[in-house]
Amino acid sequence: MVTAKFTHVLQNDAVLVFCALCKLSMKPLPDGTPDPISHELRSKILSLQLLLGILQNAGPILRSNEMFVIAIKQYLCVVLSKNGVSLMPEVFELSLALFLALLARFKMHLKMQIEVFFKEIFMNILETCSSSFEHKWMVIHALTRICADAQSVVDIYVNYNCDPSSESLREARQ
């Protein structure tokens, strides 16, 4: 990680806790359908909930800090790629909520990662016939929330449909 300056040691600790929660949320679940009260599943859900709380409550200093942005790219994006395809509805729903929080508060730092999430996870879930109705419904609900914000729609259009270096999201699956 890049060494960054924080005005307070607690900000550094927040980044370290963030990274530890990311690692905890990536621990694999047992094969098959895990018991809803299993330690592994509860640990994963709690770590995802805490990560969501960190993203939603990150102040301007943390949001603009290079070290925190790098931690998001190196850890949280991996968390989303692993848990964004989870068969467990609660894990998948929390992954979507994390993505929406990233989109709302960190999109200026994550152009390439957002494109990958849209194309490789969301569009894939919508187009795959083996995806459950519940997963498809959650993706459609998340897309509806994104489209409810006019600025997000404009940003997506400008960044992913008008940029010559980016494959158009509209044309990605045609």
C-alpha atoms as a PDB file:
ATOM      1  CA  MET A   1       0.000   0.000   0.000  1.00  0.00           C
ATOM      2  CA  VAL A   2       0.993   3.586  -0.552  1.00  0.00           C
ATOM      3  CA  THR A   3       2.041   5.466   2.551  1.00  0.00           C
ATOM      4  CA  ALA A   4      -0.405   8.296   3.063  1.00  0.00           C
ATOM      5  CA  LYS A   5      -0.628  11.092   5.566  1.00  0.00           C
ATOM      6  CA  PHE A   6      -3.526  11.111   7.973  1.00  0.00           C
ATOM      7  CA  THR A   7      -4.286  13.965  10.318  1.00  0.00           C
ATOM      8  CA  HIS A   8      -5.029  11.481  13.078  1.00  0.00           C
ATOM      9  CA  VAL A   9      -3.879   7.957  13.925  1.00  0.00           C
ATOM     10  CA  LEU A  10      -7.525   6.836  14.075  1.00  0.00           C
ATOM     11  CA  GLN A  11      -7.854   7.375  10.326  1.00  0.00           C
ATOM     12  CA  ASN A  12      -4.992   4.948   9.754  1.00  0.00           C
ATOM     13  CA  ASP A  13      -6.670   2.503  12.126  1.00  0.00           C
ATOM     14  CA  ALA A  14      -9.922   2.862  10.166  1.00  0.00           C
ATOM     15  CA  VAL A  15      -8.153   1.795   6.962  1.00  0.00           C
ATOM     16  CA  LEU A  16      -6.559  -1.176   8.755  1.00  0.00           C
ATOM     17  CA  VAL A  17      -9.950  -2.253  10.149  1.00  0.00           C
ATOM     18  CA  PHE A  18     -11.458  -1.826   6.684  1.00  0.00           C
ATOM     19  CA  CYS A  19      -8.820  -4.158   5.185  1.00  0.00           C
ATOM     20  CA  ALA A  20      -9.313  -6.716   7.966  1.00  0.00           C
ATOM     21  CA  LEU A  21     -13.091  -6.704   7.400  1.00  0.00           C
ATOM     22  CA  CYS A  22     -12.531  -7.196   3.667  1.00  0.00           C
ATOM     23  CA  LYS A  23     -10.362 -10.242   4.358  1.00  0.00           C
ATOM     24  CA  LEU A  24     -12.927 -11.624   6.811  1.00  0.00           C
ATOM     25  CA  SER A  25     -15.756 -11.207   4.307  1.00  0.00           C
ATOM     26  CA  MET A  26     -13.851 -13.214   1.672  1.00  0.00           C
ATOM     27  CA  LYS A  27     -13.573 -16.357   3.764  1.00  0.00           C
ATOM     28  CA  PRO A  28     -15.300 -19.171   1.899  1.00  0.00           C
ATOM     29  CA  LEU A  29     -18.547 -20.686   3.070  1.00  0.00           C
ATOM     30  CA  PRO A  30     -18.867 -24.462   3.473  1.00  0.00           C
ATOM     31  CA  ASP A  31     -19.986 -26.386   0.397  1.00  0.00           C
ATOM     32  CA  GLY A  32     -23.701 -26.711  -0.116  1.00  0.00           C
ATOM     33  CA  THR A  33     -26.277 -24.535   1.560  1.00  0.00           C
ATOM     34  CA  PRO A  34     -24.746 -23.176   4.768  1.00  0.00           C
ATOM     35  CA  ASP A  35     -26.707 -23.230   7.979  1.00  0.00           C
ATOM     36  CA  PRO A  36     -28.155 -19.718   8.539  1.00  0.00           C
ATOM     37  CA  ILE A  37     -26.736 -19.719  12.066  1.00  0.00           C
ATOM     38  CA  SER A  38     -23.315 -21.042  11.095  1.00  0.00           C
ATOM     39  CA  HIS A  39     -20.323 -19.090  12.304  1.00  0.00           C
ATOM     40  CA  GLU A  40     -18.946 -18.709   8.768  1.00  0.00           C
ATOM     41  CA  LEU A  41     -22.123 -17.207   7.319  1.00  0.00           C
ATOM     42  CA  ARG A  42     -22.779 -14.922  10.291  1.00  0.00           C
ATOM     43  CA  SER A  43     -19.155 -13.745  10.171  1.00  0.00           C
ATOM     44  CA  LYS A  44     -19.401 -12.994   6.442  1.00  0.00           C
ATOM     45  CA  ILE A  45     -22.700 -11.124   6.825  1.00  0.00           C
ATOM     46  CA  LEU A  46     -21.462  -9.104   9.799  1.00  0.00           C
ATOM     47  CA  SER A  47     -18.246  -8.113   8.024  1.00  0.00           C
ATOM     48  CA  LEU A  48     -20.218  -7.052   4.922  1.00  0.00           C
ATOM     49  CA  GLN A  49     -22.597  -5.008   7.084  1.00  0.00           C
ATOM     50  CA  LEU A  50     -19.684  -3.296   8.823  1.00  0.00           C
ATOM     51  CA  LEU A  51     -18.012  -2.562   5.478  1.00  0.00           C
ATOM     52  CA  LEU A  52     -21.252  -1.015   4.279  1.00  0.00           C
ATOM     53  CA  GLY A  53     -21.375   1.149   7.397  1.00  0.00           C
ATOM     54  CA  ILE A  54     -17.815   2.330   6.789  1.00  0.00           C
ATOM     55  CA  LEU A  55     -18.558   3.281   3.184  1.00  0.00           C
ATOM     56  CA  GLN A  56     -21.815   5.019   4.000  1.00  0.00           C
ATOM     57  CA  ASN A  57     -20.296   7.010   6.858  1.00  0.00           C
ATOM     58  CA  ALA A  58     -16.850   7.774   5.439  1.00  0.00           C
ATOM     59  CA  GLY A  59     -16.103  11.443   5.875  1.00  0.00           C
ATOM     60  CA  PRO A  60     -14.511  13.694   3.278  1.00  0.00           C
ATOM     61  CA  ILE A  61     -10.968  13.115   4.586  1.00  0.00           C
ATOM     62  CA  LEU A  62     -11.255   9.337   4.308  1.00  0.00           C
ATOM     63  CA  ARG A  63     -13.101   9.501   0.962  1.00  0.00           C
ATOM     64  CA  SER A  64     -10.357  11.570  -0.609  1.00  0.00           C
ATOM     65  CA  ASN A  65      -7.417   9.749   0.977  1.00  0.00           C
ATOM     66  CA  GLU A  66      -5.250   7.874  -1.497  1.00  0.00           C
ATOM     67  CA  MET A  67      -4.553   5.032   0.943  1.00  0.00           C
ATOM     68  CA  PHE A  68      -8.259   4.395   1.489  1.00  0.00           C
ATOM     69  CA  VAL A  69      -8.997   4.503  -2.250  1.00  0.00           C
ATOM     70  CA  ILE A  70      -6.197   1.991  -2.868  1.00  0.00           C
ATOM     71  CA  ALA A  71      -7.623  -0.236  -0.110  1.00  0.00           C
ATOM     72  CA  ILE A  72     -11.003  -0.098  -1.839  1.00  0.00           C
ATOM     73  CA  LYS A  73      -9.438  -1.081  -5.167  1.00  0.00           C
ATOM     74  CA  GLN A  74      -7.234  -3.840  -3.733  1.00  0.00           C
ATOM     75  CA  TYR A  75      -9.598  -5.322  -1.188  1.00  0.00           C
ATOM     76  CA  LEU A  76     -13.214  -4.234  -1.529  1.00  0.00           C
ATOM     77  CA  CYS A  77     -13.388  -4.773  -5.274  1.00  0.00           C
ATOM     78  CA  VAL A  78     -12.222  -8.357  -4.726  1.00  0.00           C
ATOM     79  CA  VAL A  79     -14.844  -8.724  -1.983  1.00  0.00           C
ATOM     80  CA  LEU A  80     -17.542  -7.599  -4.414  1.00  0.00           C
ATOM     81  CA  SER A  81     -16.350  -9.899  -7.174  1.00  0.00           C
ATOM     82  CA  LYS A  82     -16.412 -12.905  -4.834  1.00  0.00           C
ATOM     83  CA  ASN A  83     -19.600 -12.120  -2.919  1.00  0.00           C
ATOM     84  CA  GLY A  84     -21.408 -10.541  -5.873  1.00  0.00           C
ATOM     85  CA  VAL A  85     -21.984 -14.004  -7.289  1.00  0.00           C
ATOM     86  CA  SER A  86     -23.000 -15.627  -4.006  1.00  0.00           C
ATOM     87  CA  LEU A  87     -25.986 -17.932  -4.040  1.00  0.00           C
ATOM     88  CA  MET A  88     -26.885 -16.739  -0.533  1.00  0.00           C
ATOM     89  CA  PRO A  89     -29.466 -13.961  -1.019  1.00  0.00           C
ATOM     90  CA  GLU A  90     -28.389 -11.976   2.055  1.00  0.00           C
ATOM     91  CA  VAL A  91     -24.723 -12.006   1.020  1.00  0.00           C
ATOM     92  CA  PHE A  92     -25.657 -11.031  -2.528  1.00  0.00           C
ATOM     93  CA  GLU A  93     -27.939  -8.230  -1.305  1.00  0.00           C
ATOM     94  CA  LEU A  94     -25.202  -6.800   0.905  1.00  0.00           C
ATOM     95  CA  SER A  95     -22.787  -6.953  -2.032  1.00  0.00           C
ATOM     96  CA  LEU A  96     -25.249  -4.943  -4.113  1.00  0.00           C
ATOM     97  CA  ALA A  97     -25.624  -2.422  -1.295  1.00  0.00           C
ATOM     98  CA  LEU A  98     -21.827  -2.099  -1.123  1.00  0.00           C
ATOM     99  CA  PHE A  99     -21.692  -1.513  -4.866  1.00  0.00           C
ATOM    100  CA  LEU A 100     -24.378   1.174  -4.634  1.00  0.00           C
ATOM    101  CA  ALA A 101     -22.441   2.871  -1.815  1.00  0.00           C
ATOM    102  CA  LEU A 102     -19.276   2.773  -3.930  1.00  0.00           C
ATOM    103  CA  LEU A 103     -21.144   4.197  -6.880  1.00  0.00           C
ATOM    104  CA  ALA A 104     -22.624   6.983  -4.780  1.00  0.00           C
ATOM    105  CA  ARG A 105     -19.473   8.008  -2.920  1.00  0.00           C
ATOM    106  CA  PHE A 106     -16.380   6.758  -4.768  1.00  0.00           C
ATOM    107  CA  LYS A 107     -17.260   6.578  -8.477  1.00  0.00           C
ATOM    108  CA  MET A 108     -14.676   9.189  -9.412  1.00  0.00           C
ATOM    109  CA  HIS A 109     -11.907   6.791  -8.299  1.00  0.00           C
ATOM    110  CA  LEU A 110     -13.316   3.518  -9.671  1.00  0.00           C
ATOM    111  CA  LYS A 111     -14.212   3.955 -13.342  1.00  0.00           C
ATOM    112  CA  MET A 112     -12.676   0.688 -14.561  1.00  0.00           C
ATOM    113  CA  GLN A 113     -13.940  -1.370 -11.596  1.00  0.00           C
ATOM    114  CA  ILE A 114     -17.505  -0.105 -11.973  1.00  0.00           C
ATOM    115  CA  GLU A 115     -17.484  -1.079 -15.643  1.00  0.00           C
ATOM    116  CA  VAL A 116     -16.369  -4.601 -14.720  1.00  0.00           C
ATOM    117  CA  PHE A 117     -19.087  -4.954 -12.073  1.00  0.00           C
ATOM    118  CA  PHE A 118     -21.791  -3.840 -14.479  1.00  0.00           C
ATOM    119  CA  LYS A 119     -20.697  -6.112 -17.309  1.00  0.00           C
ATOM    120  CA  GLU A 120     -19.369  -9.181 -15.525  1.00  0.00           C
ATOM    121  CA  ILE A 121     -21.723  -9.437 -12.570  1.00  0.00           C
ATOM    122  CA  PHE A 122     -24.973  -7.544 -13.085  1.00  0.00           C
ATOM    123  CA  MET A 123     -25.522  -8.124 -16.795  1.00  0.00           C
ATOM    124  CA  ASN A 124     -24.375 -11.709 -16.401  1.00  0.00           C
ATOM    125  CA  ILE A 125     -26.921 -12.361 -13.639  1.00  0.00           C
ATOM    126  CA  LEU A 126     -29.718 -10.820 -15.694  1.00  0.00           C
ATOM    127  CA  GLU A 127     -28.851 -12.834 -18.806  1.00  0.00           C
ATOM    128  CA  THR A 128     -28.084 -16.198 -17.217  1.00  0.00           C
ATOM    129  CA  CYS A 129     -31.091 -18.469 -17.069  1.00  0.00           C
ATOM    130  CA  SER A 130     -29.610 -20.315 -14.072  1.00  0.00           C
ATOM    131  CA  SER A 131     -29.722 -17.148 -11.939  1.00  0.00           C
ATOM    132  CA  SER A 132     -32.549 -17.198  -9.440  1.00  0.00           C
ATOM    133  CA  PHE A 133     -35.518 -14.887  -9.753  1.00  0.00           C
ATOM    134  CA  GLU A 134     -34.581 -13.369  -6.390  1.00  0.00           C
ATOM    135  CA  HIS A 135     -31.072 -12.473  -7.605  1.00  0.00           C
ATOM    136  CA  LYS A 136     -32.424 -10.985 -10.832  1.00  0.00           C
ATOM    137  CA  TRP A 137     -34.996  -8.999  -8.902  1.00  0.00           C
ATOM    138  CA  MET A 138     -32.327  -7.582  -6.580  1.00  0.00           C
ATOM    139  CA  VAL A 139     -30.203  -6.524  -9.580  1.00  0.00           C
ATOM    140  CA  ILE A 140     -33.189  -4.872 -11.243  1.00  0.00           C
ATOM    141  CA  HIS A 141     -34.013  -3.091  -7.981  1.00  0.00           C
ATOM    142  CA  ALA A 142     -30.385  -1.872  -7.707  1.00  0.00           C
ATOM    143  CA  LEU A 143     -30.447  -0.650 -11.309  1.00  0.00           C
ATOM    144  CA  THR A 144     -33.716   1.150 -10.589  1.00  0.00           C
ATOM    145  CA  ARG A 145     -32.093   2.919  -7.641  1.00  0.00           C
ATOM    146  CA  ILE A 146     -29.145   3.924  -9.834  1.00  0.00           C
ATOM    147  CA  CYS A 147     -31.484   5.242 -12.549  1.00  0.00           C
ATOM    148  CA  ALA A 148     -33.484   7.241  -9.981  1.00  0.00           C
ATOM    149  CA  ASP A 149     -30.499   9.587  -9.723  1.00  0.00           C
ATOM    150  CA  ALA A 150     -30.288  11.578 -12.954  1.00  0.00           C
ATOM    151  CA  GLN A 151     -26.629  12.467 -12.387  1.00  0.00           C
ATOM    152  CA  SER A 152     -25.725   8.766 -12.091  1.00  0.00           C
ATOM    153  CA  VAL A 153     -27.417   8.032 -15.405  1.00  0.00           C
ATOM    154  CA  VAL A 154     -25.531  10.889 -17.074  1.00  0.00           C
ATOM    155  CA  ASP A 155     -22.249   9.741 -15.497  1.00  0.00           C
ATOM    156  CA  ILE A 156     -22.780   6.177 -16.685  1.00  0.00           C
ATOM    157  CA  TYR A 157     -23.598   7.366 -20.197  1.00  0.00           C
ATOM    158  CA  VAL A 158     -20.630   9.727 -20.402  1.00  0.00           C
ATOM    159  CA  ASN A 159     -18.118   7.369 -18.796  1.00  0.00           C
ATOM    160  CA  TYR A 160     -19.132   4.090 -20.405  1.00  0.00           C
ATOM    161  CA  ASN A 161     -20.998   4.848 -23.631  1.00  0.00           C
ATOM    162  CA  CYS A 162     -19.219   7.971 -24.878  1.00  0.00           C
ATOM    163  CA  ASP A 163     -15.664   7.108 -23.861  1.00  0.00           C
ATOM    164  CA  PRO A 164     -13.817   5.630 -26.875  1.00  0.00           C
ATOM    165  CA  SER A 165     -11.500   3.643 -24.587  1.00  0.00           C
ATOM    166  CA  SER A 166     -14.436   1.939 -22.853  1.00  0.00           C
ATOM    167  CA  GLU A 167     -16.699  -0.689 -24.368  1.00  0.00           C
ATOM    168  CA  SER A 168     -20.238   0.605 -24.345  1.00  0.00           C
ATOM    169  CA  LEU A 169     -22.327  -0.957 -21.570  1.00  0.00           C
ATOM    170  CA  ARG A 170     -25.328  -0.737 -23.857  1.00  0.00           C
ATOM    171  CA  GLU A 171     -23.524  -2.766 -26.511  1.00  0.00           C
ATOM    172  CA  ALA A 172     -21.600  -5.077 -24.164  1.00  0.00           C
ATOM    173  CA  ARG A 173     -24.049  -7.960 -24.452  1.00  0.00           C
ATOM    174  CA  GLN A 174     -25.347  -7.497 -27.992  1.00  0.00           C
END
